[in-house]
Amino acid sequence: IWRYLYEIMVKFLKNTHYHTGYNSRMDTIQASILSLKLRFLDNWNNRRREIADHYVEMLRDSRVILPFEAQNCKHVFHLFVVRIPDRHKLQNFLLDENIQTSIHYPTPIHFQQAYLNLDYNSGMFPISEEASREVLSLPMFPELNASEITRVGNAILNFERKKV
């Protein structure tokens, strides 16, 4: 049991998953807090859409691959994930500009320890593998103001101009 708990606690922090599973329970405290926050959800989602529109407007002509939004859908942009082949260079450049980014799911799920027994090989899911090398989450939270969004967009455009 100790080893199992250790793997869950420590390895989870490193984006490595040794076991499959889920947790779908919500306790009473979480439910009560979330029920209070629910009244703000539409405003927060609308603000995230505004931020996404600002990013798209700024980066439309860049070589950054922007998130796709189908015409009949209304994305809430919990994350604003872009793709760029030299992701680590861009991430380091932005960090030097004091702009924090994240890499969500750096390892494709078929390469996670929990799924190694399925004998997936490199190249079996090429889109997933490529995306895991290119995705970068830009700052995205409702409290971002216009100048902060512009600063992120300008930093990305400067990165492209400098070809770091």
N, C-alpha and C. Protein backbone atom coordinates (compact mmCIF):
# COMPACT_ATOMS: atom_id res chain seq x y z
N ILE A 1 0.83 -1.19 0.00
CA ILE A 1 0.00 0.00 0.00
C ILE A 1 0.87 1.25 0.00
N TRP A 2 1.95 1.24 0.79
CA TRP A 2 2.82 2.41 0.87
C TRP A 2 3.39 2.73 -0.50
N ARG A 3 3.86 1.72 -1.22
CA ARG A 3 4.45 1.95 -2.54
C ARG A 3 3.42 2.54 -3.51
N TYR A 4 2.22 2.01 -3.47
CA TYR A 4 1.15 2.50 -4.33
C TYR A 4 0.84 3.97 -4.03
N LEU A 5 0.71 4.31 -2.76
CA LEU A 5 0.44 5.69 -2.37
C LEU A 5 1.60 6.60 -2.74
N TYR A 6 2.82 6.11 -2.58
CA TYR A 6 4.00 6.90 -2.95
C TYR A 6 3.97 7.22 -4.45
N GLU A 7 3.69 6.22 -5.26
CA GLU A 7 3.63 6.44 -6.71
C GLU A 7 2.56 7.46 -7.07
N ILE A 8 1.44 7.38 -6.42
CA ILE A 8 0.36 8.33 -6.69
C ILE A 8 0.78 9.74 -6.29
N MET A 9 1.35 9.90 -5.09
CA MET A 9 1.70 11.23 -4.58
C MET A 9 2.87 11.84 -5.33
N VAL A 10 3.96 11.12 -5.44
CA VAL A 10 5.19 11.69 -5.99
C VAL A 10 5.19 11.70 -7.51
N LYS A 11 4.87 10.62 -8.11
CA LYS A 11 4.94 10.53 -9.56
C LYS A 11 3.89 11.39 -10.24
N PHE A 12 2.75 11.58 -9.60
CA PHE A 12 1.71 12.44 -10.17
C PHE A 12 2.25 13.83 -10.42
N LEU A 13 3.08 14.32 -9.53
CA LEU A 13 3.62 15.66 -9.66
C LEU A 13 4.55 15.78 -10.86
N LYS A 14 5.05 14.68 -11.35
CA LYS A 14 5.99 14.69 -12.46
C LYS A 14 5.32 14.28 -13.77
N ASN A 15 4.01 14.33 -13.84
CA ASN A 15 3.27 13.98 -15.04
C ASN A 15 3.48 12.54 -15.48
N THR A 16 3.78 11.67 -14.54
CA THR A 16 3.93 10.25 -14.83
C THR A 16 2.85 9.51 -14.07
N HIS A 17 2.11 8.69 -14.77
CA HIS A 17 1.00 7.98 -14.15
C HIS A 17 1.25 6.48 -14.23
N TYR A 18 1.33 5.86 -13.08
CA TYR A 18 1.62 4.43 -12.99
C TYR A 18 0.36 3.58 -12.94
N HIS A 19 -0.77 4.18 -12.61
CA HIS A 19 -2.01 3.43 -12.45
C HIS A 19 -3.16 4.20 -13.10
N THR A 20 -4.12 3.46 -13.60
CA THR A 20 -5.32 4.10 -14.11
C THR A 20 -6.32 4.21 -12.97
N GLY A 21 -7.24 5.11 -13.10
CA GLY A 21 -8.23 5.26 -12.05
C GLY A 21 -8.99 6.56 -12.23
N TYR A 22 -9.84 6.85 -11.28
CA TYR A 22 -10.62 8.07 -11.31
C TYR A 22 -11.08 8.39 -9.90
N ASN A 23 -11.49 9.62 -9.72
CA ASN A 23 -12.07 10.05 -8.46
C ASN A 23 -13.17 11.04 -8.82
N SER A 24 -14.39 10.65 -8.61
CA SER A 24 -15.49 11.51 -9.02
C SER A 24 -16.34 11.98 -7.85
N ARG A 25 -15.85 11.79 -6.66
CA ARG A 25 -16.63 12.20 -5.49
C ARG A 25 -16.39 13.69 -5.19
N MET A 26 -17.42 14.33 -4.73
CA MET A 26 -17.32 15.70 -4.28
C MET A 26 -17.91 15.75 -2.88
N ASP A 27 -17.11 16.25 -1.94
CA ASP A 27 -17.64 16.31 -0.57
C ASP A 27 -18.54 17.53 -0.40
N THR A 28 -19.18 17.61 0.73
CA THR A 28 -20.16 18.67 1.00
C THR A 28 -19.52 20.05 0.99
N ILE A 29 -18.34 20.18 1.53
CA ILE A 29 -17.66 21.48 1.55
C ILE A 29 -17.37 21.95 0.13
N GLN A 30 -16.82 21.05 -0.70
CA GLN A 30 -16.55 21.42 -2.09
C GLN A 30 -17.84 21.82 -2.80
N ALA A 31 -18.89 21.06 -2.59
CA ALA A 31 -20.17 21.36 -3.24
C ALA A 31 -20.71 22.72 -2.80
N SER A 32 -20.59 23.04 -1.53
CA SER A 32 -21.13 24.32 -1.06
C SER A 32 -20.31 25.49 -1.60
N ILE A 33 -18.99 25.34 -1.64
CA ILE A 33 -18.14 26.41 -2.20
C ILE A 33 -18.44 26.59 -3.68
N LEU A 34 -18.51 25.49 -4.41
CA LEU A 34 -18.78 25.58 -5.84
C LEU A 34 -20.17 26.13 -6.13
N SER A 35 -21.13 25.83 -5.29
CA SER A 35 -22.47 26.38 -5.52
C SER A 35 -22.47 27.90 -5.36
N LEU A 36 -21.62 28.43 -4.48
CA LEU A 36 -21.50 29.88 -4.34
C LEU A 36 -20.79 30.49 -5.55
N LYS A 37 -19.79 29.79 -6.07
CA LYS A 37 -19.04 30.29 -7.22
C LYS A 37 -19.85 30.21 -8.52
N LEU A 38 -20.83 29.34 -8.55
CA LEU A 38 -21.59 29.10 -9.77
C LEU A 38 -22.20 30.37 -10.35
N ARG A 39 -22.58 31.30 -9.51
CA ARG A 39 -23.21 32.53 -10.00
C ARG A 39 -22.23 33.40 -10.81
N PHE A 40 -20.93 33.14 -10.66
CA PHE A 40 -19.92 33.91 -11.39
C PHE A 40 -19.47 33.21 -12.67
N LEU A 41 -19.87 31.98 -12.86
CA LEU A 41 -19.34 31.16 -13.95
C LEU A 41 -19.54 31.77 -15.33
N ASP A 42 -20.72 32.25 -15.63
CA ASP A 42 -20.97 32.83 -16.96
C ASP A 42 -20.06 34.03 -17.21
N ASN A 43 -19.89 34.89 -16.22
CA ASN A 43 -19.00 36.04 -16.37
C ASN A 43 -17.55 35.60 -16.58
N TRP A 44 -17.12 34.63 -15.79
CA TRP A 44 -15.75 34.13 -15.94
C TRP A 44 -15.54 33.53 -17.33
N ASN A 45 -16.49 32.73 -17.79
CA ASN A 45 -16.37 32.12 -19.11
C ASN A 45 -16.38 33.17 -20.22
N ASN A 46 -17.24 34.17 -20.09
CA ASN A 46 -17.25 35.25 -21.08
C ASN A 46 -15.93 36.00 -21.09
N ARG A 47 -15.37 36.23 -19.92
CA ARG A 47 -14.08 36.92 -19.84
C ARG A 47 -12.99 36.07 -20.49
N ARG A 48 -13.01 34.79 -20.27
CA ARG A 48 -12.02 33.91 -20.91
C ARG A 48 -12.16 33.97 -22.44
N ARG A 49 -13.38 34.03 -22.93
CA ARG A 49 -13.58 34.16 -24.38
C ARG A 49 -13.02 35.48 -24.90
N GLU A 50 -13.19 36.55 -24.14
CA GLU A 50 -12.63 37.85 -24.54
C GLU A 50 -11.11 37.78 -24.59
N ILE A 51 -10.51 37.15 -23.59
CA ILE A 51 -9.05 37.01 -23.56
C ILE A 51 -8.59 36.19 -24.76
N ALA A 52 -9.29 35.09 -25.04
CA ALA A 52 -8.95 34.26 -26.19
C ALA A 52 -9.05 35.05 -27.49
N ASP A 53 -10.09 35.85 -27.63
CA ASP A 53 -10.25 36.68 -28.82
C ASP A 53 -9.07 37.65 -28.97
N HIS A 54 -8.63 38.21 -27.86
CA HIS A 54 -7.49 39.14 -27.86
C HIS A 54 -6.22 38.40 -28.33
N TYR A 55 -5.97 37.21 -27.76
CA TYR A 55 -4.82 36.41 -28.19
C TYR A 55 -4.89 36.09 -29.68
N VAL A 56 -6.06 35.65 -30.13
CA VAL A 56 -6.23 35.27 -31.54
C VAL A 56 -5.98 36.47 -32.44
N GLU A 57 -6.52 37.61 -32.08
CA GLU A 57 -6.32 38.82 -32.88
C GLU A 57 -4.84 39.16 -32.98
N MET A 58 -4.12 39.05 -31.89
CA MET A 58 -2.70 39.40 -31.89
C MET A 58 -1.83 38.38 -32.62
N LEU A 59 -2.18 37.10 -32.51
CA LEU A 59 -1.30 36.03 -32.98
C LEU A 59 -1.78 35.38 -34.28
N ARG A 60 -2.85 35.91 -34.86
CA ARG A 60 -3.44 35.32 -36.06
C ARG A 60 -2.42 35.13 -37.18
N ASP A 61 -1.54 36.08 -37.39
CA ASP A 61 -0.58 36.01 -38.49
C ASP A 61 0.78 35.48 -38.06
N SER A 62 0.87 34.97 -36.86
CA SER A 62 2.14 34.40 -36.39
C SER A 62 2.23 32.94 -36.80
N ARG A 63 3.34 32.31 -36.51
CA ARG A 63 3.47 30.88 -36.83
C ARG A 63 2.98 29.99 -35.70
N VAL A 64 2.47 30.60 -34.64
CA VAL A 64 1.86 29.84 -33.55
C VAL A 64 0.54 29.27 -34.04
N ILE A 65 0.33 27.99 -33.80
CA ILE A 65 -0.93 27.35 -34.17
C ILE A 65 -1.92 27.61 -33.04
N LEU A 66 -2.99 28.29 -33.36
CA LEU A 66 -3.98 28.70 -32.36
C LEU A 66 -5.04 27.61 -32.16
N PRO A 67 -5.72 27.65 -31.03
CA PRO A 67 -6.79 26.67 -30.80
C PRO A 67 -7.90 26.81 -31.84
N PHE A 68 -8.45 25.68 -32.20
CA PHE A 68 -9.55 25.67 -33.16
C PHE A 68 -10.87 25.74 -32.40
N GLU A 69 -11.76 26.56 -32.91
CA GLU A 69 -13.10 26.64 -32.34
C GLU A 69 -14.11 26.48 -33.46
N ALA A 70 -14.86 25.40 -33.41
CA ALA A 70 -15.87 25.14 -34.44
C ALA A 70 -16.94 26.23 -34.41
N GLN A 71 -17.51 26.52 -35.56
CA GLN A 71 -18.49 27.60 -35.67
C GLN A 71 -19.73 27.36 -34.82
N ASN A 72 -20.12 26.13 -34.65
CA ASN A 72 -21.34 25.85 -33.90
C ASN A 72 -21.07 25.58 -32.42
N CYS A 73 -19.87 25.92 -31.96
CA CYS A 73 -19.50 25.68 -30.56
C CYS A 73 -19.10 26.98 -29.88
N LYS A 74 -19.17 26.96 -28.59
CA LYS A 74 -18.80 28.13 -27.80
C LYS A 74 -17.78 27.68 -26.76
N HIS A 75 -16.51 27.80 -27.09
CA HIS A 75 -15.41 27.35 -26.25
C HIS A 75 -15.30 28.25 -25.02
N VAL A 76 -15.02 27.68 -23.85
CA VAL A 76 -14.85 28.51 -22.66
C VAL A 76 -13.39 28.78 -22.34
N PHE A 77 -12.46 28.12 -23.03
CA PHE A 77 -11.03 28.37 -22.87
C PHE A 77 -10.57 28.32 -21.42
N HIS A 78 -10.82 27.17 -20.80
CA HIS A 78 -10.24 26.94 -19.47
C HIS A 78 -8.72 27.09 -19.58
N LEU A 79 -8.17 26.59 -20.67
CA LEU A 79 -6.76 26.78 -21.02
C LEU A 79 -6.72 27.40 -22.41
N PHE A 80 -5.67 28.17 -22.68
CA PHE A 80 -5.45 28.66 -24.03
C PHE A 80 -4.15 28.02 -24.51
N VAL A 81 -4.30 26.91 -25.22
CA VAL A 81 -3.15 26.09 -25.61
C VAL A 81 -2.82 26.36 -27.07
N VAL A 82 -1.58 26.78 -27.30
CA VAL A 82 -1.09 26.99 -28.65
C VAL A 82 -0.09 25.88 -28.96
N ARG A 83 0.23 25.77 -30.24
CA ARG A 83 1.25 24.80 -30.64
C ARG A 83 2.32 25.52 -31.42
N ILE A 84 3.56 25.13 -31.15
CA ILE A 84 4.69 25.69 -31.87
C ILE A 84 5.83 24.67 -31.80
N PRO A 85 6.48 24.38 -32.93
CA PRO A 85 7.52 23.35 -32.94
C PRO A 85 8.67 23.59 -31.95
N ASP A 86 9.08 24.84 -31.78
CA ASP A 86 10.18 25.13 -30.84
C ASP A 86 9.62 25.63 -29.51
N ARG A 87 8.72 24.84 -28.98
CA ARG A 87 8.00 25.18 -27.76
C ARG A 87 8.92 25.55 -26.60
N HIS A 88 9.95 24.74 -26.36
CA HIS A 88 10.81 25.01 -25.20
C HIS A 88 11.57 26.33 -25.35
N LYS A 89 11.97 26.66 -26.57
CA LYS A 89 12.63 27.95 -26.78
C LYS A 89 11.67 29.10 -26.49
N LEU A 90 10.44 28.97 -26.97
CA LEU A 90 9.45 30.01 -26.70
C LEU A 90 9.16 30.08 -25.21
N GLN A 91 8.99 28.95 -24.57
CA GLN A 91 8.70 28.94 -23.14
C GLN A 91 9.82 29.62 -22.35
N ASN A 92 11.06 29.31 -22.68
CA ASN A 92 12.19 29.94 -21.99
C ASN A 92 12.26 31.44 -22.28
N PHE A 93 11.99 31.82 -23.52
CA PHE A 93 11.97 33.24 -23.88
C PHE A 93 10.91 33.98 -23.06
N LEU A 94 9.72 33.40 -22.97
CA LEU A 94 8.66 34.03 -22.20
C LEU A 94 9.00 34.08 -20.71
N LEU A 95 9.64 33.05 -20.21
CA LEU A 95 10.04 33.04 -18.81
C LEU A 95 11.05 34.16 -18.54
N ASP A 96 11.97 34.38 -19.48
CA ASP A 96 12.92 35.50 -19.35
C ASP A 96 12.20 36.84 -19.33
N GLU A 97 11.00 36.88 -19.92
CA GLU A 97 10.18 38.09 -19.91
C GLU A 97 9.21 38.10 -18.73
N ASN A 98 9.42 37.18 -17.79
CA ASN A 98 8.56 37.03 -16.60
C ASN A 98 7.11 36.68 -16.96
N ILE A 99 6.97 35.86 -17.98
CA ILE A 99 5.66 35.36 -18.38
C ILE A 99 5.66 33.85 -18.16
N GLN A 100 4.83 33.43 -17.24
CA GLN A 100 4.74 32.01 -16.88
C GLN A 100 3.81 31.28 -17.84
N THR A 101 4.27 30.16 -18.34
CA THR A 101 3.45 29.29 -19.18
C THR A 101 3.48 27.88 -18.59
N SER A 102 2.69 26.99 -19.14
CA SER A 102 2.67 25.61 -18.67
C SER A 102 2.63 24.66 -19.85
N ILE A 103 3.08 23.46 -19.59
CA ILE A 103 2.96 22.38 -20.58
C ILE A 103 2.06 21.33 -19.95
N HIS A 104 0.85 21.24 -20.45
CA HIS A 104 -0.09 20.24 -19.96
C HIS A 104 0.08 18.98 -20.80
N TYR A 105 0.11 17.86 -20.16
CA TYR A 105 0.23 16.56 -20.82
C TYR A 105 1.48 16.47 -21.70
N PRO A 106 2.67 16.61 -21.09
CA PRO A 106 3.90 16.54 -21.86
C PRO A 106 4.21 15.14 -22.39
N THR A 107 3.58 14.14 -21.82
CA THR A 107 3.78 12.76 -22.26
C THR A 107 2.47 12.22 -22.80
N PRO A 108 2.48 11.74 -24.05
CA PRO A 108 1.24 11.16 -24.58
C PRO A 108 0.76 10.02 -23.68
N ILE A 109 -0.53 9.87 -23.59
CA ILE A 109 -1.09 8.88 -22.66
C ILE A 109 -0.61 7.47 -22.97
N HIS A 110 -0.38 7.16 -24.24
CA HIS A 110 0.04 5.79 -24.57
C HIS A 110 1.49 5.52 -24.16
N PHE A 111 2.22 6.55 -23.73
CA PHE A 111 3.57 6.35 -23.20
C PHE A 111 3.61 6.40 -21.68
N GLN A 112 2.49 6.61 -21.04
CA GLN A 112 2.44 6.63 -19.58
C GLN A 112 2.67 5.22 -19.05
N GLN A 113 3.31 5.14 -17.89
CA GLN A 113 3.60 3.85 -17.26
C GLN A 113 2.34 2.99 -17.13
N ALA A 114 1.23 3.61 -16.83
CA ALA A 114 -0.01 2.86 -16.61
C ALA A 114 -0.48 2.12 -17.86
N TYR A 115 0.01 2.50 -19.03
CA TYR A 115 -0.45 1.89 -20.27
C TYR A 115 0.64 1.14 -21.02
N LEU A 116 1.82 1.01 -20.44
CA LEU A 116 2.91 0.33 -21.13
C LEU A 116 2.57 -1.13 -21.44
N ASN A 117 1.73 -1.74 -20.62
CA ASN A 117 1.35 -3.13 -20.86
C ASN A 117 0.54 -3.31 -22.14
N LEU A 118 0.08 -2.23 -22.74
CA LEU A 118 -0.70 -2.31 -23.98
C LEU A 118 0.19 -2.36 -25.22
N ASP A 119 1.50 -2.24 -25.01
CA ASP A 119 2.50 -2.38 -26.08
C ASP A 119 2.33 -1.39 -27.23
N TYR A 120 1.99 -0.15 -26.90
CA TYR A 120 1.96 0.88 -27.93
C TYR A 120 3.38 1.28 -28.26
N ASN A 121 3.64 1.52 -29.53
CA ASN A 121 4.98 1.91 -29.97
C ASN A 121 4.98 3.33 -30.48
N SER A 122 6.16 3.90 -30.52
CA SER A 122 6.33 5.24 -31.07
C SER A 122 5.83 5.23 -32.52
N GLY A 123 5.07 6.25 -32.87
CA GLY A 123 4.55 6.37 -34.21
C GLY A 123 3.14 5.84 -34.39
N MET A 124 2.63 5.14 -33.39
CA MET A 124 1.27 4.59 -33.52
C MET A 124 0.21 5.69 -33.40
N PHE A 125 0.53 6.74 -32.67
CA PHE A 125 -0.38 7.88 -32.51
C PHE A 125 0.42 9.16 -32.81
N PRO A 126 0.76 9.37 -34.07
CA PRO A 126 1.68 10.47 -34.42
C PRO A 126 1.16 11.86 -34.07
N ILE A 127 -0.13 12.08 -34.17
CA ILE A 127 -0.67 13.40 -33.85
C ILE A 127 -0.53 13.68 -32.36
N SER A 128 -0.84 12.69 -31.55
CA SER A 128 -0.69 12.83 -30.10
C SER A 128 0.77 13.09 -29.73
N GLU A 129 1.67 12.35 -30.36
CA GLU A 129 3.10 12.51 -30.07
C GLU A 129 3.60 13.89 -30.49
N GLU A 130 3.17 14.34 -31.66
CA GLU A 130 3.57 15.67 -32.13
C GLU A 130 3.01 16.76 -31.21
N ALA A 131 1.75 16.64 -30.85
CA ALA A 131 1.13 17.63 -29.98
C ALA A 131 1.84 17.69 -28.63
N SER A 132 2.25 16.56 -28.10
CA SER A 132 2.91 16.56 -26.80
C SER A 132 4.25 17.29 -26.84
N ARG A 133 4.84 17.39 -28.02
CA ARG A 133 6.12 18.11 -28.17
C ARG A 133 5.91 19.60 -28.44
N GLU A 134 4.69 20.00 -28.83
CA GLU A 134 4.47 21.36 -29.31
C GLU A 134 3.53 22.21 -28.45
N VAL A 135 2.72 21.60 -27.60
CA VAL A 135 1.70 22.38 -26.89
C VAL A 135 2.29 23.25 -25.79
N LEU A 136 1.73 24.44 -25.67
CA LEU A 136 2.14 25.38 -24.63
C LEU A 136 0.90 26.17 -24.20
N SER A 137 0.64 26.16 -22.92
CA SER A 137 -0.53 26.88 -22.38
C SER A 137 -0.11 28.29 -21.99
N LEU A 138 -0.75 29.26 -22.61
CA LEU A 138 -0.49 30.66 -22.29
C LEU A 138 -1.30 31.06 -21.06
N PRO A 139 -0.91 32.15 -20.41
CA PRO A 139 -1.70 32.60 -19.25
C PRO A 139 -3.17 32.77 -19.63
N MET A 140 -4.03 32.20 -18.80
CA MET A 140 -5.47 32.29 -19.06
C MET A 140 -6.22 32.19 -17.74
N PHE A 141 -6.71 33.33 -17.30
CA PHE A 141 -7.57 33.38 -16.13
C PHE A 141 -8.37 34.67 -16.22
N PRO A 142 -9.57 34.69 -15.69
CA PRO A 142 -10.47 35.83 -15.91
C PRO A 142 -9.92 37.18 -15.47
N GLU A 143 -8.98 37.19 -14.55
CA GLU A 143 -8.47 38.46 -14.03
C GLU A 143 -7.37 39.08 -14.89
N LEU A 144 -6.96 38.41 -15.96
CA LEU A 144 -5.97 39.01 -16.86
C LEU A 144 -6.52 40.31 -17.42
N ASN A 145 -5.71 41.34 -17.42
CA ASN A 145 -6.19 42.60 -18.00
C ASN A 145 -5.61 42.77 -19.41
N ALA A 146 -6.12 43.73 -20.13
CA ALA A 146 -5.74 43.93 -21.53
C ALA A 146 -4.25 44.15 -21.71
N SER A 147 -3.62 44.90 -20.81
CA SER A 147 -2.19 45.16 -20.97
C SER A 147 -1.37 43.88 -20.75
N GLU A 148 -1.82 43.02 -19.86
CA GLU A 148 -1.11 41.75 -19.63
C GLU A 148 -1.25 40.82 -20.84
N ILE A 149 -2.43 40.79 -21.41
CA ILE A 149 -2.65 39.95 -22.60
C ILE A 149 -1.80 40.47 -23.75
N THR A 150 -1.79 41.78 -23.93
CA THR A 150 -0.99 42.40 -24.98
C THR A 150 0.49 42.12 -24.76
N ARG A 151 0.93 42.16 -23.52
CA ARG A 151 2.33 41.88 -23.21
C ARG A 151 2.71 40.45 -23.60
N VAL A 152 1.84 39.50 -23.32
CA VAL A 152 2.10 38.11 -23.72
C VAL A 152 2.16 38.01 -25.24
N GLY A 153 1.17 38.57 -25.92
CA GLY A 153 1.14 38.52 -27.37
C GLY A 153 2.35 39.18 -28.00
N ASN A 154 2.73 40.36 -27.50
CA ASN A 154 3.91 41.05 -28.04
C ASN A 154 5.18 40.26 -27.79
N ALA A 155 5.28 39.61 -26.65
CA ALA A 155 6.47 38.81 -26.36
C ALA A 155 6.59 37.66 -27.35
N ILE A 156 5.48 37.02 -27.68
CA ILE A 156 5.51 35.94 -28.66
C ILE A 156 5.91 36.47 -30.03
N LEU A 157 5.37 37.61 -30.42
CA LEU A 157 5.74 38.22 -31.70
C LEU A 157 7.21 38.62 -31.71
N ASN A 158 7.72 39.13 -30.59
CA ASN A 158 9.15 39.46 -30.49
C ASN A 158 10.01 38.21 -30.61
N PHE A 159 9.58 37.13 -30.02
CA PHE A 159 10.29 35.85 -30.13
C PHE A 159 10.41 35.45 -31.60
N GLU A 160 9.33 35.60 -32.33
CA GLU A 160 9.36 35.24 -33.75
C GLU A 160 10.27 36.17 -34.55
N ARG A 161 10.25 37.46 -34.22
CA ARG A 161 11.11 38.41 -34.93
C ARG A 161 12.58 38.13 -34.68
N LYS A 162 12.89 37.77 -33.45
CA LYS A 162 14.29 37.50 -33.08
C LYS A 162 14.74 36.12 -33.52
N LYS A 163 13.77 35.24 -33.79
CA LYS A 163 14.08 33.85 -34.17
C LYS A 163 15.09 33.25 -33.21
N VAL A 164 14.75 33.31 -31.94
CA VAL A 164 15.61 32.82 -30.86
C VAL A 164 15.92 31.36 -31.05
